[in-house]
């Protein structure tokens, strides 16, 4: 009995030529000698290039410096069986990876598991980070920080009020005014700085942890540059933390000595 299934996954992926050829061979093996295959590349300007040979698609990817926005692969045979897999540079309706299967009920599960296995091979270690939203996290932390500052300001005001009740001096009044101004400044400045820093980090995250990477031809060269920058950023961050800990330890040792 004929049936169909479709699904989408929001994952980061790095598609290499070897992984693409491996999937193509697996699907062809499932469909048999009568398989008809179509490969379609879509670029950011909307232009699409369709081929019937994988080598032609690889050649196109190796010979163009344009970003690939989408790669769609369609396999079908004379019996009506059809498998479609779409890989997107950025999230589409259902995610970066979408697939549709039209086959017999007994075969759909096996093909779905095969595609899911393929997705595991192209999913990089940073997939979760690619979907992290630093701005939303920052806004949540700002709200929590704002509430904390309000509580601290209320406690500081209560302490100063109790102090001024006992001894009403010009010094106490100046201290009260200074603390009040400082708390007010922190309430407005800290959230703004926090959001700006989070926005900058989100932009960096978006660049060094791309969602969809077609690492073939010029795409591989672009990703190699991104990977180098990512390694520098991560290595620099870890190095700064380690050096800070070492410097703090040396400083404390000198003081105690």
Protein backbone atom coordinates (compact mmCIF):
# COMPACT_ATOMS: atom_id res chain seq x y z
CA UNK A 1 0.00 0.00 0.00
CA UNK A 2 1.33 3.42 -0.97
CA UNK A 3 1.91 6.00 1.76
CA UNK A 4 3.79 9.24 2.28
CA UNK A 5 5.71 10.92 5.06
CA UNK A 6 7.41 14.28 5.50
CA UNK A 7 9.46 15.90 8.21
CA UNK A 8 11.84 18.75 8.94
CA UNK A 9 14.70 19.21 11.37
CA UNK A 10 16.29 22.35 12.77
CA UNK A 11 19.93 21.36 12.90
CA UNK A 12 23.21 22.81 11.76
CA UNK A 13 24.92 20.78 9.06
CA UNK A 14 28.18 20.63 7.14
CA UNK A 15 27.70 18.88 3.81
CA UNK A 16 30.89 17.60 2.18
CA UNK A 17 31.29 15.94 -1.20
CA UNK A 18 31.98 12.55 0.40
CA UNK A 19 28.82 12.71 2.52
CA UNK A 20 26.72 13.77 -0.47
CA UNK A 21 28.03 10.93 -2.65
CA UNK A 22 27.49 8.42 0.16
CA UNK A 23 23.82 9.41 0.56
CA UNK A 24 23.29 9.40 -3.20
CA UNK A 25 24.66 5.86 -3.47
CA UNK A 26 22.47 4.62 -0.60
CA UNK A 27 19.26 6.03 -2.10
CA UNK A 28 20.14 4.70 -5.56
CA UNK A 29 20.70 1.28 -4.06
CA UNK A 30 17.21 1.40 -2.51
CA UNK A 31 15.53 2.43 -5.75
CA UNK A 32 17.43 0.06 -8.03
CA UNK A 33 18.69 0.48 -11.59
CA UNK A 34 15.56 2.31 -12.79
CA UNK A 35 16.11 5.28 -10.51
CA UNK A 36 15.72 8.76 -11.96
CA UNK A 37 17.58 11.46 -10.09
CA UNK A 38 17.39 15.24 -10.18
CA UNK A 39 19.64 17.64 -8.31
CA UNK A 40 18.77 21.32 -7.98
CA UNK A 41 20.91 24.16 -6.65
CA UNK A 42 19.34 27.49 -5.67
CA UNK A 43 21.41 30.65 -5.21
CA UNK A 44 20.56 33.82 -3.19
CA UNK A 45 19.50 35.75 -6.31
CA UNK A 46 16.78 33.13 -6.97
CA UNK A 47 18.53 31.44 -9.90
CA UNK A 48 18.26 27.64 -9.86
CA UNK A 49 20.41 25.09 -11.65
CA UNK A 50 19.00 21.59 -12.20
CA UNK A 51 21.12 18.58 -13.16
CA UNK A 52 20.54 14.86 -13.57
CA UNK A 53 24.10 13.81 -12.73
CA UNK A 54 25.71 14.29 -9.32
CA UNK A 55 29.10 14.93 -10.94
CA UNK A 56 27.58 17.90 -12.77
CA UNK A 57 26.35 19.36 -9.47
CA UNK A 58 29.77 18.84 -7.88
CA UNK A 59 31.37 20.56 -10.88
CA UNK A 60 28.97 23.51 -10.53
CA UNK A 61 29.76 23.82 -6.82
CA UNK A 62 33.49 23.70 -7.58
CA UNK A 63 33.29 26.33 -10.32
CA UNK A 64 31.11 29.04 -8.74
CA UNK A 65 31.98 31.45 -5.93
CA UNK A 66 28.30 32.09 -5.19
CA UNK A 67 26.75 31.03 -1.92
CA UNK A 68 24.41 28.08 -2.25
CA UNK A 69 21.08 28.85 -0.62
CA UNK A 70 19.50 25.44 -1.11
CA UNK A 71 20.25 21.98 -2.46
CA UNK A 72 17.30 19.78 -3.39
CA UNK A 73 17.71 16.12 -4.29
CA UNK A 74 14.88 14.13 -5.84
CA UNK A 75 15.00 10.38 -6.47
CA UNK A 76 12.14 8.52 -8.18
CA UNK A 77 11.53 5.25 -10.02
CA UNK A 78 8.99 3.91 -12.50
CA UNK A 79 6.80 2.42 -9.75
CA UNK A 80 5.99 5.88 -8.38
CA UNK A 81 8.34 5.79 -5.44
CA UNK A 82 9.69 9.28 -4.72
CA UNK A 83 12.19 10.64 -2.19
CA UNK A 84 12.94 14.34 -1.86
CA UNK A 85 15.55 15.86 0.43
CA UNK A 86 16.11 19.61 0.77
CA UNK A 87 19.07 21.20 2.55
CA UNK A 88 18.84 24.93 3.34
CA UNK A 89 21.57 27.37 4.28
CA UNK A 90 19.11 29.01 6.70
CA UNK A 91 15.90 27.72 8.25
CA UNK A 92 13.05 27.10 5.83
CA UNK A 93 9.47 26.36 6.88
CA UNK A 94 10.43 23.24 8.84
CA UNK A 95 14.13 23.77 9.40
CA UNK A 96 17.42 23.43 7.56
CA UNK A 97 16.76 19.82 6.55
CA UNK A 98 13.41 18.76 5.06
CA UNK A 99 12.42 15.51 3.42
CA UNK A 100 9.41 13.93 1.74
CA UNK A 101 8.95 10.22 1.05
CA UNK A 102 6.27 8.67 -1.14
CA UNK A 103 6.62 4.88 -1.06
CA UNK A 104 5.12 1.74 0.42
CA UNK A 105 4.32 1.67 4.13
CA UNK A 106 6.94 -1.01 4.73
CA UNK A 107 9.72 1.04 3.11
CA UNK A 108 8.98 4.51 4.53
CA UNK A 109 10.34 3.74 7.99
CA UNK A 110 13.59 2.31 6.63
CA UNK A 111 14.14 5.28 4.30
CA UNK A 112 13.35 7.75 7.11
CA UNK A 113 15.88 6.07 9.38
CA UNK A 114 18.42 6.17 6.56
CA UNK A 115 17.93 9.93 6.14
CA UNK A 116 18.13 10.47 9.91
CA UNK A 117 21.36 8.49 9.96
CA UNK A 118 22.69 10.73 7.20
CA UNK A 119 21.75 13.83 9.22
CA UNK A 120 23.78 12.57 12.16
CA UNK A 121 26.86 12.32 9.93
CA UNK A 122 26.57 15.95 8.75
CA UNK A 123 25.57 17.47 12.11
CA UNK A 124 28.52 19.36 13.67
CA UNK A 125 29.32 19.57 17.38
CA UNK A 126 28.12 23.19 17.58
CA UNK A 127 24.59 22.54 16.29
CA UNK A 128 22.93 23.64 19.55
CA UNK A 129 25.03 26.81 19.67
CA UNK A 130 23.92 27.67 16.13
CA UNK A 131 20.35 27.88 17.43
CA UNK A 132 21.14 29.68 20.70
CA UNK A 133 19.54 33.12 20.88
CA UNK A 134 21.88 35.30 22.94
CA UNK A 135 19.59 38.34 22.69
CA UNK A 136 16.63 36.50 24.23
CA UNK A 137 18.88 35.12 26.95
CA UNK A 138 20.22 38.62 27.59
CA UNK A 139 16.72 40.08 27.86
CA UNK A 140 15.81 37.43 30.43
CA UNK A 141 18.97 38.19 32.40
CA UNK A 142 18.23 41.92 32.17
CA UNK A 143 14.79 41.38 33.67
CA UNK A 144 16.30 39.32 36.49
CA UNK A 145 19.07 41.87 36.94
CA UNK A 146 16.58 44.73 36.98
CA UNK A 147 14.57 43.00 39.69
CA UNK A 148 17.77 42.39 41.68
CA UNK A 149 18.80 46.04 41.40
CA UNK A 150 15.37 47.16 42.58
CA UNK A 151 15.66 44.90 45.61
CA UNK A 152 19.17 46.13 46.37
CA UNK A 153 18.13 49.76 45.96
CA UNK A 154 15.24 49.21 48.37
CA UNK A 155 17.59 47.64 50.93
CA UNK A 156 20.12 50.48 50.51
CA UNK A 157 17.37 53.08 50.90
CA UNK A 158 16.11 51.37 54.06
CA UNK A 159 19.61 51.30 55.58
CA UNK A 160 20.23 54.94 54.75
CA UNK A 161 16.82 55.92 56.10
CA UNK A 162 17.55 54.16 59.38
CA UNK A 163 20.95 55.86 59.53
CA UNK A 164 19.48 59.30 58.83
CA UNK A 165 16.81 58.76 61.49
CA UNK A 166 19.47 58.42 64.17
CA UNK A 167 21.85 61.15 63.00
CA UNK A 168 20.69 63.68 60.40
CA UNK A 169 23.95 65.15 59.17
CA UNK A 170 25.05 66.68 55.90
CA UNK A 171 27.38 63.71 55.41
CA UNK A 172 24.52 61.22 55.64
CA UNK A 173 22.44 63.24 53.22
CA UNK A 174 25.31 63.36 50.74
CA UNK A 175 25.85 59.61 51.08
CA UNK A 176 22.15 58.98 50.55
CA UNK A 177 22.13 61.14 47.45
CA UNK A 178 25.27 59.48 46.08
CA UNK A 179 23.96 55.93 46.58
CA UNK A 180 20.59 56.86 45.10
CA UNK A 181 22.26 58.33 41.99
CA UNK A 182 24.51 55.31 41.63
CA UNK A 183 21.64 52.84 41.88
CA UNK A 184 19.56 54.84 39.40
CA UNK A 185 22.46 54.91 36.93
CA UNK A 186 23.01 51.18 37.27
CA UNK A 187 19.33 50.45 36.69
CA UNK A 188 19.43 52.22 33.32
CA UNK A 189 23.01 51.67 32.14
CA UNK A 190 23.61 48.01 33.00
CA UNK A 191 20.62 46.62 31.02
CA UNK A 192 21.54 48.68 27.94
CA UNK A 193 25.18 47.56 28.02
CA UNK A 194 24.09 43.97 28.63
CA UNK A 195 21.77 43.92 25.61
CA UNK A 196 24.36 45.58 23.35
CA UNK A 197 27.01 43.02 24.36
CA UNK A 198 24.54 40.17 23.83
CA UNK A 199 23.58 41.56 20.41
CA UNK A 200 27.27 41.70 19.40
CA UNK A 201 27.84 38.14 20.68
CA UNK A 202 24.79 36.94 18.76
CA UNK A 203 26.20 38.40 15.54
CA UNK A 204 29.54 36.69 16.19
CA UNK A 205 27.71 33.44 17.02
CA UNK A 206 25.74 33.67 13.78
CA UNK A 207 28.97 33.99 11.79
CA UNK A 208 31.26 31.44 13.47
CA UNK A 209 28.50 28.84 14.00
CA UNK A 210 26.66 28.78 10.64
CA UNK A 211 23.52 26.67 10.35
CA UNK A 212 23.91 25.31 6.85
CA UNK A 213 27.31 24.81 5.21
CA UNK A 214 27.82 23.39 1.73
CA UNK A 215 31.51 22.57 2.16
CA UNK A 216 32.18 21.77 -1.48
CA UNK A 217 34.38 23.83 -3.81
CA UNK A 218 34.41 27.51 -2.88
CA UNK A 219 31.98 26.71 -0.09
CA UNK A 220 34.68 24.64 1.57
CA UNK A 221 37.17 27.51 1.28
CA UNK A 222 34.67 29.89 2.90
CA UNK A 223 33.99 27.44 5.71
CA UNK A 224 37.73 26.90 6.30
CA UNK A 225 38.06 30.66 6.90
CA UNK A 226 35.11 30.60 9.28
CA UNK A 227 36.56 27.61 11.13
CA UNK A 228 39.91 29.39 11.50
CA UNK A 229 38.21 32.49 12.94
CA UNK A 230 36.12 30.29 15.25
CA UNK A 231 39.22 28.53 16.54
CA UNK A 232 40.91 31.89 17.17
CA UNK A 233 37.87 33.25 19.04
CA UNK A 234 37.39 30.12 21.16
CA UNK A 235 41.12 29.65 21.74
CA UNK A 236 41.54 33.32 22.63
CA UNK A 237 38.62 33.21 25.07
CA UNK A 238 39.90 30.08 26.81
CA UNK A 239 43.46 31.45 26.84
CA UNK A 240 42.29 34.72 28.40
CA UNK A 241 40.45 32.86 31.17
CA UNK A 242 43.43 30.57 31.88
CA UNK A 243 45.89 33.49 31.94
CA UNK A 244 43.53 35.43 34.22
CA UNK A 245 43.39 32.53 36.69
CA UNK A 246 47.20 32.12 36.59
CA UNK A 247 47.77 35.87 37.03
CA UNK A 248 45.34 35.94 39.96
CA UNK A 249 47.11 33.00 41.59
CA UNK A 250 50.56 34.61 41.17
CA UNK A 251 49.28 37.94 42.54
CA UNK A 252 47.79 36.26 45.62
CA UNK A 253 50.99 34.26 46.15
CA UNK A 254 53.08 37.44 46.04
CA UNK A 255 50.78 39.18 48.49
CA UNK A 256 50.79 36.29 50.95
CA UNK A 257 54.57 35.95 50.59
